[in-house]
């Protein structure tokens, strides 16, 4: 039997906290045990509740600055741009499928995009999709 991971959310925006909580509730291995909009409260809650996971917003990104993508987020985007579905991406990155779905939803939220199509367009515009990704599966497309 898998252990349920108790989660503490610390995020100034109630909208963001609700979105994160909703995503976590999709997975039965996570239980949000506390939420706060204040870093000081997060420290106190973490001390008293001893959660296994604490998701804490450490800085606000100004509106004119593009959010940074993690290595994992970039790998998900690159694989998506190459036409792999969620299960294939999860297999290629050696992560559970539900984790890949969470990462993809987080990317869309972070970049303020509404669909995978918008994400692929964004990746193409930013040159993210052009980076080399190793592949177990060969594509039938061959450039001339």
C-alpha atoms as a PDB file:
ATOM      1  CA  UNK A   1       0.000   0.000   0.000  1.00  0.00           C
ATOM      2  CA  UNK A   2       1.329   3.432  -0.951  1.00  0.00           C
ATOM      3  CA  UNK A   3       1.873   6.144   1.606  1.00  0.00           C
ATOM      4  CA  UNK A   4      -0.249   9.273   1.346  1.00  0.00           C
ATOM      5  CA  UNK A   5       1.945  12.374   1.146  1.00  0.00           C
ATOM      6  CA  UNK A   6       0.646  15.175   3.339  1.00  0.00           C
ATOM      7  CA  UNK A   7       1.122  18.526   1.608  1.00  0.00           C
ATOM      8  CA  UNK A   8       1.437  22.088   2.891  1.00  0.00           C
ATOM      9  CA  UNK A   9       0.656  24.842   0.351  1.00  0.00           C
ATOM     10  CA  UNK A  10       2.103  28.325   0.858  1.00  0.00           C
ATOM     11  CA  UNK A  11       1.134  30.676  -1.964  1.00  0.00           C
ATOM     12  CA  UNK A  12       0.039  34.340  -1.756  1.00  0.00           C
ATOM     13  CA  UNK A  13      -2.603  33.964  -4.468  1.00  0.00           C
ATOM     14  CA  UNK A  14      -5.759  32.148  -3.394  1.00  0.00           C
ATOM     15  CA  UNK A  15      -6.485  31.373  -7.055  1.00  0.00           C
ATOM     16  CA  UNK A  16      -3.092  29.695  -7.457  1.00  0.00           C
ATOM     17  CA  UNK A  17      -3.495  27.763  -4.203  1.00  0.00           C
ATOM     18  CA  UNK A  18      -6.881  26.462  -5.327  1.00  0.00           C
ATOM     19  CA  UNK A  19      -5.496  25.421  -8.710  1.00  0.00           C
ATOM     20  CA  UNK A  20      -2.562  23.590  -7.133  1.00  0.00           C
ATOM     21  CA  UNK A  21      -4.843  21.934  -4.584  1.00  0.00           C
ATOM     22  CA  UNK A  22      -7.229  20.805  -7.334  1.00  0.00           C
ATOM     23  CA  UNK A  23      -4.338  19.281  -9.275  1.00  0.00           C
ATOM     24  CA  UNK A  24      -3.025  17.492  -6.204  1.00  0.00           C
ATOM     25  CA  UNK A  25      -6.467  16.135  -5.364  1.00  0.00           C
ATOM     26  CA  UNK A  26      -6.455  14.291  -8.693  1.00  0.00           C
ATOM     27  CA  UNK A  27      -3.842  11.992  -7.208  1.00  0.00           C
ATOM     28  CA  UNK A  28      -4.869   9.811  -4.244  1.00  0.00           C
ATOM     29  CA  UNK A  29      -1.259   9.808  -3.018  1.00  0.00           C
ATOM     30  CA  UNK A  30      -1.483  13.482  -1.991  1.00  0.00           C
ATOM     31  CA  UNK A  31      -3.534  15.117   0.728  1.00  0.00           C
ATOM     32  CA  UNK A  32      -3.405  18.872   1.291  1.00  0.00           C
ATOM     33  CA  UNK A  33      -3.338  19.265   5.064  1.00  0.00           C
ATOM     34  CA  UNK A  34      -2.824  23.041   5.273  1.00  0.00           C
ATOM     35  CA  UNK A  35      -2.854  26.182   3.140  1.00  0.00           C
ATOM     36  CA  UNK A  36      -1.576  29.663   3.808  1.00  0.00           C
ATOM     37  CA  UNK A  37      -0.799  32.879   1.981  1.00  0.00           C
ATOM     38  CA  UNK A  38       2.054  33.786   4.340  1.00  0.00           C
ATOM     39  CA  UNK A  39       5.604  32.430   4.515  1.00  0.00           C
ATOM     40  CA  UNK A  40       5.831  32.897   8.284  1.00  0.00           C
ATOM     41  CA  UNK A  41       2.636  30.910   8.769  1.00  0.00           C
ATOM     42  CA  UNK A  42       4.044  28.195   6.478  1.00  0.00           C
ATOM     43  CA  UNK A  43       7.057  27.772   8.763  1.00  0.00           C
ATOM     44  CA  UNK A  44       4.828  27.449  11.812  1.00  0.00           C
ATOM     45  CA  UNK A  45       2.458  25.034  10.059  1.00  0.00           C
ATOM     46  CA  UNK A  46       5.326  22.913   8.772  1.00  0.00           C
ATOM     47  CA  UNK A  47       6.771  22.733  12.277  1.00  0.00           C
ATOM     48  CA  UNK A  48       3.496  21.622  13.836  1.00  0.00           C
ATOM     49  CA  UNK A  49       2.076  19.397  11.038  1.00  0.00           C
ATOM     50  CA  UNK A  50       5.312  17.855   9.735  1.00  0.00           C
ATOM     51  CA  UNK A  51       4.061  17.395   6.141  1.00  0.00           C
ATOM     52  CA  UNK A  52       6.030  15.189   3.752  1.00  0.00           C
ATOM     53  CA  UNK A  53       5.781  17.886   1.039  1.00  0.00           C
ATOM     54  CA  UNK A  54       5.726  21.686   1.271  1.00  0.00           C
ATOM     55  CA  UNK A  55       4.962  23.690  -1.864  1.00  0.00           C
ATOM     56  CA  UNK A  56       6.095  27.216  -1.104  1.00  0.00           C
ATOM     57  CA  UNK A  57       6.070  30.235  -3.412  1.00  0.00           C
ATOM     58  CA  UNK A  58       9.461  31.867  -2.945  1.00  0.00           C
ATOM     59  CA  UNK A  59       9.100  34.879  -5.254  1.00  0.00           C
ATOM     60  CA  UNK A  60       6.639  36.679  -7.444  1.00  0.00           C
ATOM     61  CA  UNK A  61       7.488  36.877 -11.137  1.00  0.00           C
ATOM     62  CA  UNK A  62       6.902  40.364 -12.586  1.00  0.00           C
ATOM     63  CA  UNK A  63       4.425  40.484 -15.455  1.00  0.00           C
ATOM     64  CA  UNK A  64       7.078  41.533 -17.966  1.00  0.00           C
ATOM     65  CA  UNK A  65       9.410  38.611 -17.147  1.00  0.00           C
ATOM     66  CA  UNK A  66       8.881  35.184 -18.660  1.00  0.00           C
ATOM     67  CA  UNK A  67       8.708  32.366 -16.122  1.00  0.00           C
ATOM     68  CA  UNK A  68      11.661  29.988 -16.002  1.00  0.00           C
ATOM     69  CA  UNK A  69      11.008  26.402 -17.008  1.00  0.00           C
ATOM     70  CA  UNK A  70      12.628  23.550 -15.110  1.00  0.00           C
ATOM     71  CA  UNK A  71      14.632  20.865 -16.882  1.00  0.00           C
ATOM     72  CA  UNK A  72      11.718  18.436 -16.451  1.00  0.00           C
ATOM     73  CA  UNK A  73       9.201  20.957 -17.802  1.00  0.00           C
ATOM     74  CA  UNK A  74      11.414  21.601 -20.822  1.00  0.00           C
ATOM     75  CA  UNK A  75      11.774  17.857 -21.441  1.00  0.00           C
ATOM     76  CA  UNK A  76       7.986  17.432 -21.318  1.00  0.00           C
ATOM     77  CA  UNK A  77       7.522  20.277 -23.816  1.00  0.00           C
ATOM     78  CA  UNK A  78      10.151  18.902 -26.201  1.00  0.00           C
ATOM     79  CA  UNK A  79       8.594  15.446 -26.170  1.00  0.00           C
ATOM     80  CA  UNK A  80       5.124  16.904 -26.657  1.00  0.00           C
ATOM     81  CA  UNK A  81       6.412  18.873 -29.666  1.00  0.00           C
ATOM     82  CA  UNK A  82       7.715  15.628 -31.141  1.00  0.00           C
ATOM     83  CA  UNK A  83       4.210  14.159 -31.070  1.00  0.00           C
ATOM     84  CA  UNK A  84       4.469  11.855 -28.071  1.00  0.00           C
ATOM     85  CA  UNK A  85       1.319  11.364 -25.990  1.00  0.00           C
ATOM     86  CA  UNK A  86       1.184  11.598 -22.186  1.00  0.00           C
ATOM     87  CA  UNK A  87       1.845   7.906 -21.602  1.00  0.00           C
ATOM     88  CA  UNK A  88       4.806   7.899 -24.007  1.00  0.00           C
ATOM     89  CA  UNK A  89       6.268  11.035 -22.432  1.00  0.00           C
ATOM     90  CA  UNK A  90       5.911   9.555 -18.943  1.00  0.00           C
ATOM     91  CA  UNK A  91       7.615   6.362 -20.123  1.00  0.00           C
ATOM     92  CA  UNK A  92      10.448   8.269 -21.825  1.00  0.00           C
ATOM     93  CA  UNK A  93      11.062  10.451 -18.761  1.00  0.00           C
ATOM     94  CA  UNK A  94      10.606   7.532 -16.359  1.00  0.00           C
ATOM     95  CA  UNK A  95       7.847   9.201 -14.348  1.00  0.00           C
ATOM     96  CA  UNK A  96       4.294   8.075 -13.528  1.00  0.00           C
ATOM     97  CA  UNK A  97       1.662   9.224 -16.033  1.00  0.00           C
ATOM     98  CA  UNK A  98      -0.215  11.229 -13.424  1.00  0.00           C
ATOM     99  CA  UNK A  99       2.988  13.152 -12.622  1.00  0.00           C
ATOM    100  CA  UNK A 100       3.435  14.036 -16.283  1.00  0.00           C
ATOM    101  CA  UNK A 101      -0.159  15.333 -16.357  1.00  0.00           C
ATOM    102  CA  UNK A 102       0.554  17.511 -13.315  1.00  0.00           C
ATOM    103  CA  UNK A 103       3.731  18.846 -14.918  1.00  0.00           C
ATOM    104  CA  UNK A 104       1.904  19.607 -18.170  1.00  0.00           C
ATOM    105  CA  UNK A 105      -0.907  21.413 -16.335  1.00  0.00           C
ATOM    106  CA  UNK A 106       1.663  23.364 -14.316  1.00  0.00           C
ATOM    107  CA  UNK A 107       3.456  24.412 -17.507  1.00  0.00           C
ATOM    108  CA  UNK A 108       0.203  25.632 -19.067  1.00  0.00           C
ATOM    109  CA  UNK A 109      -0.646  27.532 -15.897  1.00  0.00           C
ATOM    110  CA  UNK A 110       2.844  29.018 -15.527  1.00  0.00           C
ATOM    111  CA  UNK A 111       2.920  30.221 -19.140  1.00  0.00           C
ATOM    112  CA  UNK A 112      -0.733  31.344 -19.042  1.00  0.00           C
ATOM    113  CA  UNK A 113      -1.627  29.063 -21.944  1.00  0.00           C
ATOM    114  CA  UNK A 114      -4.921  27.255 -22.422  1.00  0.00           C
ATOM    115  CA  UNK A 115      -4.061  24.225 -24.547  1.00  0.00           C
ATOM    116  CA  UNK A 116      -1.336  21.898 -25.741  1.00  0.00           C
ATOM    117  CA  UNK A 117      -1.626  23.493 -29.168  1.00  0.00           C
ATOM    118  CA  UNK A 118      -0.792  26.906 -27.671  1.00  0.00           C
ATOM    119  CA  UNK A 119       2.101  25.276 -25.802  1.00  0.00           C
ATOM    120  CA  UNK A 120       3.547  23.743 -28.978  1.00  0.00           C
ATOM    121  CA  UNK A 121       3.252  27.117 -30.737  1.00  0.00           C
ATOM    122  CA  UNK A 122       4.954  28.822 -27.768  1.00  0.00           C
ATOM    123  CA  UNK A 123       7.749  26.218 -27.800  1.00  0.00           C
ATOM    124  CA  UNK A 124       8.267  26.687 -31.511  1.00  0.00           C
ATOM    125  CA  UNK A 125       8.412  30.476 -31.164  1.00  0.00           C
ATOM    126  CA  UNK A 126      10.932  30.234 -28.309  1.00  0.00           C
ATOM    127  CA  UNK A 127      13.056  27.542 -29.962  1.00  0.00           C
ATOM    128  CA  UNK A 128      12.358  25.052 -27.175  1.00  0.00           C
ATOM    129  CA  UNK A 129      11.093  22.368 -29.537  1.00  0.00           C
ATOM    130  CA  UNK A 130      14.268  22.464 -31.642  1.00  0.00           C
ATOM    131  CA  UNK A 131      16.615  21.095 -28.977  1.00  0.00           C
ATOM    132  CA  UNK A 132      17.700  17.490 -29.334  1.00  0.00           C
ATOM    133  CA  UNK A 133      15.966  14.893 -27.181  1.00  0.00           C
ATOM    134  CA  UNK A 134      17.089  11.281 -27.114  1.00  0.00           C
ATOM    135  CA  UNK A 135      14.494   8.822 -28.294  1.00  0.00           C
ATOM    136  CA  UNK A 136      13.715   5.159 -27.820  1.00  0.00           C
ATOM    137  CA  UNK A 137      11.226   5.405 -30.654  1.00  0.00           C
ATOM    138  CA  UNK A 138      12.180   6.344 -34.194  1.00  0.00           C
ATOM    139  CA  UNK A 139      10.021   8.797 -36.076  1.00  0.00           C
ATOM    140  CA  UNK A 140       8.986   7.876 -39.637  1.00  0.00           C
ATOM    141  CA  UNK A 141       9.620  11.464 -40.753  1.00  0.00           C
ATOM    142  CA  UNK A 142      12.918  11.851 -42.606  1.00  0.00           C
ATOM    143  CA  UNK A 143      14.165  15.260 -43.692  1.00  0.00           C
ATOM    144  CA  UNK A 144      15.310  15.621 -47.317  1.00  0.00           C
END
